[in-house]
All heavy atoms as atom14 arrays in JSON, in Angstrom:
{
  "sequence": "GNSLDNVTLIGMPGSGKSTVGVLLAKLLGY",
  "atom14_mask": [
    [1, 1, 1, 1, 0, 0, 0, 0, 0, 0, 0, 0, 0, 0],
    [1, 1, 1, 1, 1, 1, 1, 1, 0, 0, 0, 0, 0, 0],
    [1, 1, 1, 1, 1, 1, 0, 0, 0, 0, 0, 0, 0, 0],
    [1, 1, 1, 1, 1, 1, 1, 1, 0, 0, 0, 0, 0, 0],
    [1, 1, 1, 1, 1, 1, 1, 1, 0, 0, 0, 0, 0, 0],
    [1, 1, 1, 1, 1, 1, 1, 1, 0, 0, 0, 0, 0, 0],
    [1, 1, 1, 1, 1, 1, 1, 0, 0, 0, 0, 0, 0, 0],
    [1, 1, 1, 1, 1, 1, 1, 0, 0, 0, 0, 0, 0, 0],
    [1, 1, 1, 1, 1, 1, 1, 1, 0, 0, 0, 0, 0, 0],
    [1, 1, 1, 1, 1, 1, 1, 1, 0, 0, 0, 0, 0, 0],
    [1, 1, 1, 1, 0, 0, 0, 0, 0, 0, 0, 0, 0, 0],
    [1, 1, 1, 1, 1, 1, 1, 1, 0, 0, 0, 0, 0, 0],
    [1, 1, 1, 1, 1, 1, 1, 0, 0, 0, 0, 0, 0, 0],
    [1, 1, 1, 1, 0, 0, 0, 0, 0, 0, 0, 0, 0, 0],
    [1, 1, 1, 1, 1, 1, 0, 0, 0, 0, 0, 0, 0, 0],
    [1, 1, 1, 1, 0, 0, 0, 0, 0, 0, 0, 0, 0, 0],
    [1, 1, 1, 1, 1, 1, 1, 1, 1, 0, 0, 0, 0, 0],
    [1, 1, 1, 1, 1, 1, 0, 0, 0, 0, 0, 0, 0, 0],
    [1, 1, 1, 1, 1, 1, 1, 0, 0, 0, 0, 0, 0, 0],
    [1, 1, 1, 1, 1, 1, 1, 0, 0, 0, 0, 0, 0, 0],
    [1, 1, 1, 1, 0, 0, 0, 0, 0, 0, 0, 0, 0, 0],
    [1, 1, 1, 1, 1, 1, 1, 0, 0, 0, 0, 0, 0, 0],
    [1, 1, 1, 1, 1, 1, 1, 1, 0, 0, 0, 0, 0, 0],
    [1, 1, 1, 1, 1, 1, 1, 1, 0, 0, 0, 0, 0, 0],
    [1, 1, 1, 1, 1, 0, 0, 0, 0, 0, 0, 0, 0, 0],
    [1, 1, 1, 1, 1, 1, 1, 1, 1, 0, 0, 0, 0, 0],
    [1, 1, 1, 1, 1, 1, 1, 1, 0, 0, 0, 0, 0, 0],
    [1, 1, 1, 1, 1, 1, 1, 1, 0, 0, 0, 0, 0, 0],
    [1, 1, 1, 1, 0, 0, 0, 0, 0, 0, 0, 0, 0, 0],
    [1, 1, 1, 1, 1, 1, 1, 1, 1, 1, 1, 1, 0, 0]
  ],
  "atom14_positions": [
    [[5.54, -31.31, 17.34], [6.92, -30.89, 17.68], [7.31, -31.05, 19.12], [6.68, -31.78, 19.89], [0.0, 0.0, 0.0], [0.0, 0.0, 0.0], [0.0, 0.0, 0.0], [0.0, 0.0, 0.0], [0.0, 0.0, 0.0], [0.0, 0.0, 0.0], [0.0, 0.0, 0.0], [0.0, 0.0, 0.0], [0.0, 0.0, 0.0], [0.0, 0.0, 0.0]],
    [[8.19, -30.23, 19.52], [8.63, -30.11, 20.88], [8.78, -28.71, 21.2], [8.62, -27.79, 20.4], [9.83, -30.91, 21.26], [10.98, -30.64, 20.28], [11.15, -29.56, 19.81], [11.77, -31.61, 20.2], [0.0, 0.0, 0.0], [0.0, 0.0, 0.0], [0.0, 0.0, 0.0], [0.0, 0.0, 0.0], [0.0, 0.0, 0.0], [0.0, 0.0, 0.0]],
    [[9.14, -28.3, 22.41], [9.08, -26.96, 22.89], [10.42, -26.25, 22.95], [11.45, -26.76, 22.66], [8.41, -26.96, 24.44], [9.26, -27.73, 25.22], [0.0, 0.0, 0.0], [0.0, 0.0, 0.0], [0.0, 0.0, 0.0], [0.0, 0.0, 0.0], [0.0, 0.0, 0.0], [0.0, 0.0, 0.0], [0.0, 0.0, 0.0], [0.0, 0.0, 0.0]],
    [[10.42, -24.99, 23.17], [11.42, -24.2, 23.57], [12.17, -23.46, 22.3], [12.92, -22.5, 22.36], [12.46, -24.76, 24.46], [11.91, -25.22, 25.82], [13.07, -25.84, 26.6], [11.4, -24.08, 26.65], [0.0, 0.0, 0.0], [0.0, 0.0, 0.0], [0.0, 0.0, 0.0], [0.0, 0.0, 0.0], [0.0, 0.0, 0.0], [0.0, 0.0, 0.0]],
    [[11.91, -23.98, 21.05], [12.49, -23.36, 19.99], [11.59, -22.57, 19.1], [11.84, -22.01, 18.08], [13.21, -24.44, 19.04], [12.18, -25.38, 18.52], [11.03, -25.37, 18.95], [12.59, -26.33, 17.7], [0.0, 0.0, 0.0], [0.0, 0.0, 0.0], [0.0, 0.0, 0.0], [0.0, 0.0, 0.0], [0.0, 0.0, 0.0], [0.0, 0.0, 0.0]],
    [[10.44, -22.09, 19.79], [9.42, -21.3, 19.22], [9.65, -19.86, 19.79], [10.37, -19.72, 20.8], [8.06, -21.78, 19.49], [7.91, -23.15, 19.07], [7.79, -23.45, 17.86], [7.79, -24.09, 19.97], [0.0, 0.0, 0.0], [0.0, 0.0, 0.0], [0.0, 0.0, 0.0], [0.0, 0.0, 0.0], [0.0, 0.0, 0.0], [0.0, 0.0, 0.0]],
    [[8.99, -18.89, 19.21], [8.97, -17.56, 19.71], [7.56, -16.97, 19.73], [6.84, -17.19, 18.65], [9.91, -16.51, 18.89], [9.8, -15.14, 19.58], [11.33, -16.95, 18.93], [0.0, 0.0, 0.0], [0.0, 0.0, 0.0], [0.0, 0.0, 0.0], [0.0, 0.0, 0.0], [0.0, 0.0, 0.0], [0.0, 0.0, 0.0], [0.0, 0.0, 0.0]],
    [[6.98, -16.53, 20.74], [5.66, -16.05, 20.7], [5.63, -14.48, 20.98], [6.42, -13.89, 21.77], [4.86, -16.67, 21.89], [4.76, -18.03, 21.73], [3.5, -15.98, 21.99], [0.0, 0.0, 0.0], [0.0, 0.0, 0.0], [0.0, 0.0, 0.0], [0.0, 0.0, 0.0], [0.0, 0.0, 0.0], [0.0, 0.0, 0.0], [0.0, 0.0, 0.0]],
    [[4.88, -13.75, 20.21], [4.75, -12.33, 20.36], [3.39, -12.0, 20.96], [2.25, -12.47, 20.44], [4.72, -11.62, 18.95], [6.0, -11.96, 18.13], [5.9, -11.12, 16.7], [7.28, -11.55, 18.88], [0.0, 0.0, 0.0], [0.0, 0.0, 0.0], [0.0, 0.0, 0.0], [0.0, 0.0, 0.0], [0.0, 0.0, 0.0], [0.0, 0.0, 0.0]],
    [[3.35, -11.38, 22.06], [2.07, -10.87, 22.67], [2.06, -9.35, 22.72], [2.99, -8.73, 22.49], [2.01, -11.43, 24.13], [3.13, -10.94, 25.02], [2.0, -12.97, 24.05], [3.04, -11.31, 26.55], [0.0, 0.0, 0.0], [0.0, 0.0, 0.0], [0.0, 0.0, 0.0], [0.0, 0.0, 0.0], [0.0, 0.0, 0.0], [0.0, 0.0, 0.0]],
    [[0.79, -8.95, 22.84], [0.56, -7.39, 22.92], [-0.81, -7.14, 22.66], [-1.71, -7.98, 22.19], [0.0, 0.0, 0.0], [0.0, 0.0, 0.0], [0.0, 0.0, 0.0], [0.0, 0.0, 0.0], [0.0, 0.0, 0.0], [0.0, 0.0, 0.0], [0.0, 0.0, 0.0], [0.0, 0.0, 0.0], [0.0, 0.0, 0.0], [0.0, 0.0, 0.0]],
    [[-1.1, -5.79, 22.71], [-2.5, -5.28, 22.46], [-2.86, -5.38, 21.0], [-2.08, -5.5, 20.09], [-2.48, -3.78, 22.93], [-2.55, -3.57, 24.42], [-4.14, -4.0, 25.1], [-5.16, -2.64, 24.47], [0.0, 0.0, 0.0], [0.0, 0.0, 0.0], [0.0, 0.0, 0.0], [0.0, 0.0, 0.0], [0.0, 0.0, 0.0], [0.0, 0.0, 0.0]],
    [[-4.24, -5.34, 20.83], [-4.67, -5.21, 19.42], [-3.93, -3.97, 18.75], [-3.9, -2.91, 19.41], [-6.19, -5.04, 19.54], [-6.48, -5.61, 20.83], [-5.32, -5.39, 21.77], [0.0, 0.0, 0.0], [0.0, 0.0, 0.0], [0.0, 0.0, 0.0], [0.0, 0.0, 0.0], [0.0, 0.0, 0.0], [0.0, 0.0, 0.0], [0.0, 0.0, 0.0]],
    [[-3.48, -4.21, 17.57], [-2.93, -3.0, 16.89], [-1.33, -2.95, 17.16], [-0.75, -2.03, 16.64], [0.0, 0.0, 0.0], [0.0, 0.0, 0.0], [0.0, 0.0, 0.0], [0.0, 0.0, 0.0], [0.0, 0.0, 0.0], [0.0, 0.0, 0.0], [0.0, 0.0, 0.0], [0.0, 0.0, 0.0], [0.0, 0.0, 0.0], [0.0, 0.0, 0.0]],
    [[-0.84, -3.89, 17.91], [0.55, -3.79, 18.24], [1.44, -4.29, 17.11], [2.7, -4.14, 17.15], [0.96, -4.43, 19.52], [0.53, -5.78, 19.39], [0.0, 0.0, 0.0], [0.0, 0.0, 0.0], [0.0, 0.0, 0.0], [0.0, 0.0, 0.0], [0.0, 0.0, 0.0], [0.0, 0.0, 0.0], [0.0, 0.0, 0.0], [0.0, 0.0, 0.0]],
    [[0.91, -4.94, 16.1], [1.6, -5.48, 15.0], [2.05, -6.86, 15.14], [3.03, -7.32, 14.39], [0.0, 0.0, 0.0], [0.0, 0.0, 0.0], [0.0, 0.0, 0.0], [0.0, 0.0, 0.0], [0.0, 0.0, 0.0], [0.0, 0.0, 0.0], [0.0, 0.0, 0.0], [0.0, 0.0, 0.0], [0.0, 0.0, 0.0], [0.0, 0.0, 0.0]],
    [[1.48, -7.63, 15.98], [1.93, -9.08, 16.26], [1.94, -9.9, 14.99], [2.98, -10.61, 14.7], [1.04, -9.65, 17.31], [1.14, -9.04, 18.62], [0.28, -9.78, 19.71], [-1.27, -9.87, 19.41], [-1.77, -8.51, 19.44], [0.0, 0.0, 0.0], [0.0, 0.0, 0.0], [0.0, 0.0, 0.0], [0.0, 0.0, 0.0], [0.0, 0.0, 0.0]],
    [[0.99, -9.8, 14.1], [0.9, -10.68, 12.98], [1.96, -10.23, 11.93], [2.73, -11.12, 11.4], [-0.47, -10.49, 12.33], [-1.39, -11.32, 13.07], [0.0, 0.0, 0.0], [0.0, 0.0, 0.0], [0.0, 0.0, 0.0], [0.0, 0.0, 0.0], [0.0, 0.0, 0.0], [0.0, 0.0, 0.0], [0.0, 0.0, 0.0], [0.0, 0.0, 0.0]],
    [[2.01, -9.01, 11.64], [3.04, -8.47, 10.64], [4.39, -8.68, 11.07], [5.3, -9.09, 10.41], [2.71, -6.97, 10.31], [1.35, -6.85, 9.86], [3.69, -6.58, 9.21], [0.0, 0.0, 0.0], [0.0, 0.0, 0.0], [0.0, 0.0, 0.0], [0.0, 0.0, 0.0], [0.0, 0.0, 0.0], [0.0, 0.0, 0.0], [0.0, 0.0, 0.0]],
    [[4.66, -8.27, 12.38], [6.05, -8.51, 12.81], [6.37, -9.94, 12.99], [7.42, -10.4, 12.74], [6.18, -7.81, 14.26], [7.49, -8.18, 14.93], [6.13, -6.35, 14.19], [0.0, 0.0, 0.0], [0.0, 0.0, 0.0], [0.0, 0.0, 0.0], [0.0, 0.0, 0.0], [0.0, 0.0, 0.0], [0.0, 0.0, 0.0], [0.0, 0.0, 0.0]],
    [[5.44, -10.75, 13.28], [5.53, -12.24, 13.31], [6.03, -12.88, 11.96], [6.99, -13.66, 11.95], [0.0, 0.0, 0.0], [0.0, 0.0, 0.0], [0.0, 0.0, 0.0], [0.0, 0.0, 0.0], [0.0, 0.0, 0.0], [0.0, 0.0, 0.0], [0.0, 0.0, 0.0], [0.0, 0.0, 0.0], [0.0, 0.0, 0.0], [0.0, 0.0, 0.0]],
    [[5.37, -12.32, 10.96], [5.79, -12.8, 9.54], [7.15, -12.41, 9.36], [8.0, -13.17, 8.79], [4.77, -12.3, 8.57], [5.3, -12.54, 7.14], [3.38, -12.98, 8.74], [0.0, 0.0, 0.0], [0.0, 0.0, 0.0], [0.0, 0.0, 0.0], [0.0, 0.0, 0.0], [0.0, 0.0, 0.0], [0.0, 0.0, 0.0], [0.0, 0.0, 0.0]],
    [[7.46, -11.14, 9.56], [8.84, -10.61, 9.27], [9.92, -11.37, 10.13], [11.0, -11.65, 9.61], [8.92, -9.12, 9.53], [8.02, -8.22, 8.64], [7.93, -6.88, 9.18], [8.58, -8.31, 7.17], [0.0, 0.0, 0.0], [0.0, 0.0, 0.0], [0.0, 0.0, 0.0], [0.0, 0.0, 0.0], [0.0, 0.0, 0.0], [0.0, 0.0, 0.0]],
    [[9.59, -11.62, 11.3], [10.53, -12.26, 12.26], [10.73, -13.77, 11.75], [11.81, -14.21, 11.7], [10.05, -12.32, 13.68], [11.0, -12.99, 14.79], [12.28, -12.33, 14.88], [10.21, -13.0, 16.05], [0.0, 0.0, 0.0], [0.0, 0.0, 0.0], [0.0, 0.0, 0.0], [0.0, 0.0, 0.0], [0.0, 0.0, 0.0], [0.0, 0.0, 0.0]],
    [[9.64, -14.48, 11.34], [9.74, -15.77, 10.82], [10.65, -15.89, 9.61], [11.44, -16.73, 9.42], [8.37, -16.25, 10.48], [0.0, 0.0, 0.0], [0.0, 0.0, 0.0], [0.0, 0.0, 0.0], [0.0, 0.0, 0.0], [0.0, 0.0, 0.0], [0.0, 0.0, 0.0], [0.0, 0.0, 0.0], [0.0, 0.0, 0.0], [0.0, 0.0, 0.0]],
    [[10.58, -14.85, 8.73], [11.48, -14.76, 7.56], [12.9, -14.59, 7.98], [13.74, -15.26, 7.39], [11.05, -13.59, 6.7], [9.73, -13.84, 6.01], [9.35, -12.65, 4.98], [8.06, -13.0, 4.23], [7.6, -11.85, 3.47], [0.0, 0.0, 0.0], [0.0, 0.0, 0.0], [0.0, 0.0, 0.0], [0.0, 0.0, 0.0], [0.0, 0.0, 0.0]],
    [[13.14, -13.79, 8.94], [14.59, -13.6, 9.49], [15.08, -14.88, 10.03], [16.31, -15.16, 10.0], [14.54, -12.48, 10.6], [14.29, -10.99, 9.93], [14.21, -10.12, 11.26], [15.51, -10.64, 9.16], [0.0, 0.0, 0.0], [0.0, 0.0, 0.0], [0.0, 0.0, 0.0], [0.0, 0.0, 0.0], [0.0, 0.0, 0.0], [0.0, 0.0, 0.0]],
    [[14.34, -15.61, 10.8], [14.74, -16.9, 11.44], [14.62, -18.13, 10.44], [15.21, -19.11, 10.82], [13.8, -17.17, 12.56], [13.95, -16.22, 13.77], [12.9, -16.41, 14.8], [15.34, -16.36, 14.43], [0.0, 0.0, 0.0], [0.0, 0.0, 0.0], [0.0, 0.0, 0.0], [0.0, 0.0, 0.0], [0.0, 0.0, 0.0], [0.0, 0.0, 0.0]],
    [[13.93, -18.02, 9.43], [13.63, -19.25, 8.57], [12.64, -20.1, 9.24], [12.78, -21.35, 9.07], [0.0, 0.0, 0.0], [0.0, 0.0, 0.0], [0.0, 0.0, 0.0], [0.0, 0.0, 0.0], [0.0, 0.0, 0.0], [0.0, 0.0, 0.0], [0.0, 0.0, 0.0], [0.0, 0.0, 0.0], [0.0, 0.0, 0.0], [0.0, 0.0, 0.0]],
    [[11.72, -19.55, 9.91], [10.63, -20.3, 10.78], [9.33, -20.32, 9.97], [9.1, -19.5, 9.0], [10.54, -19.54, 12.05], [11.38, -20.02, 13.19], [12.58, -20.74, 13.06], [10.92, -19.91, 14.57], [13.34, -21.18, 14.03], [11.71, -20.29, 15.63], [12.81, -21.0, 15.34], [13.64, -21.34, 16.44], [0.0, 0.0, 0.0], [0.0, 0.0, 0.0]]
  ]
}
């Protein structure tokens, strides 16, 4: 692909990056 239309979630272990990431992807259709 190409850049800039992605979103990256960073943070500590236990911050919920994976779960929030899945939920955000559903909201965006990503």
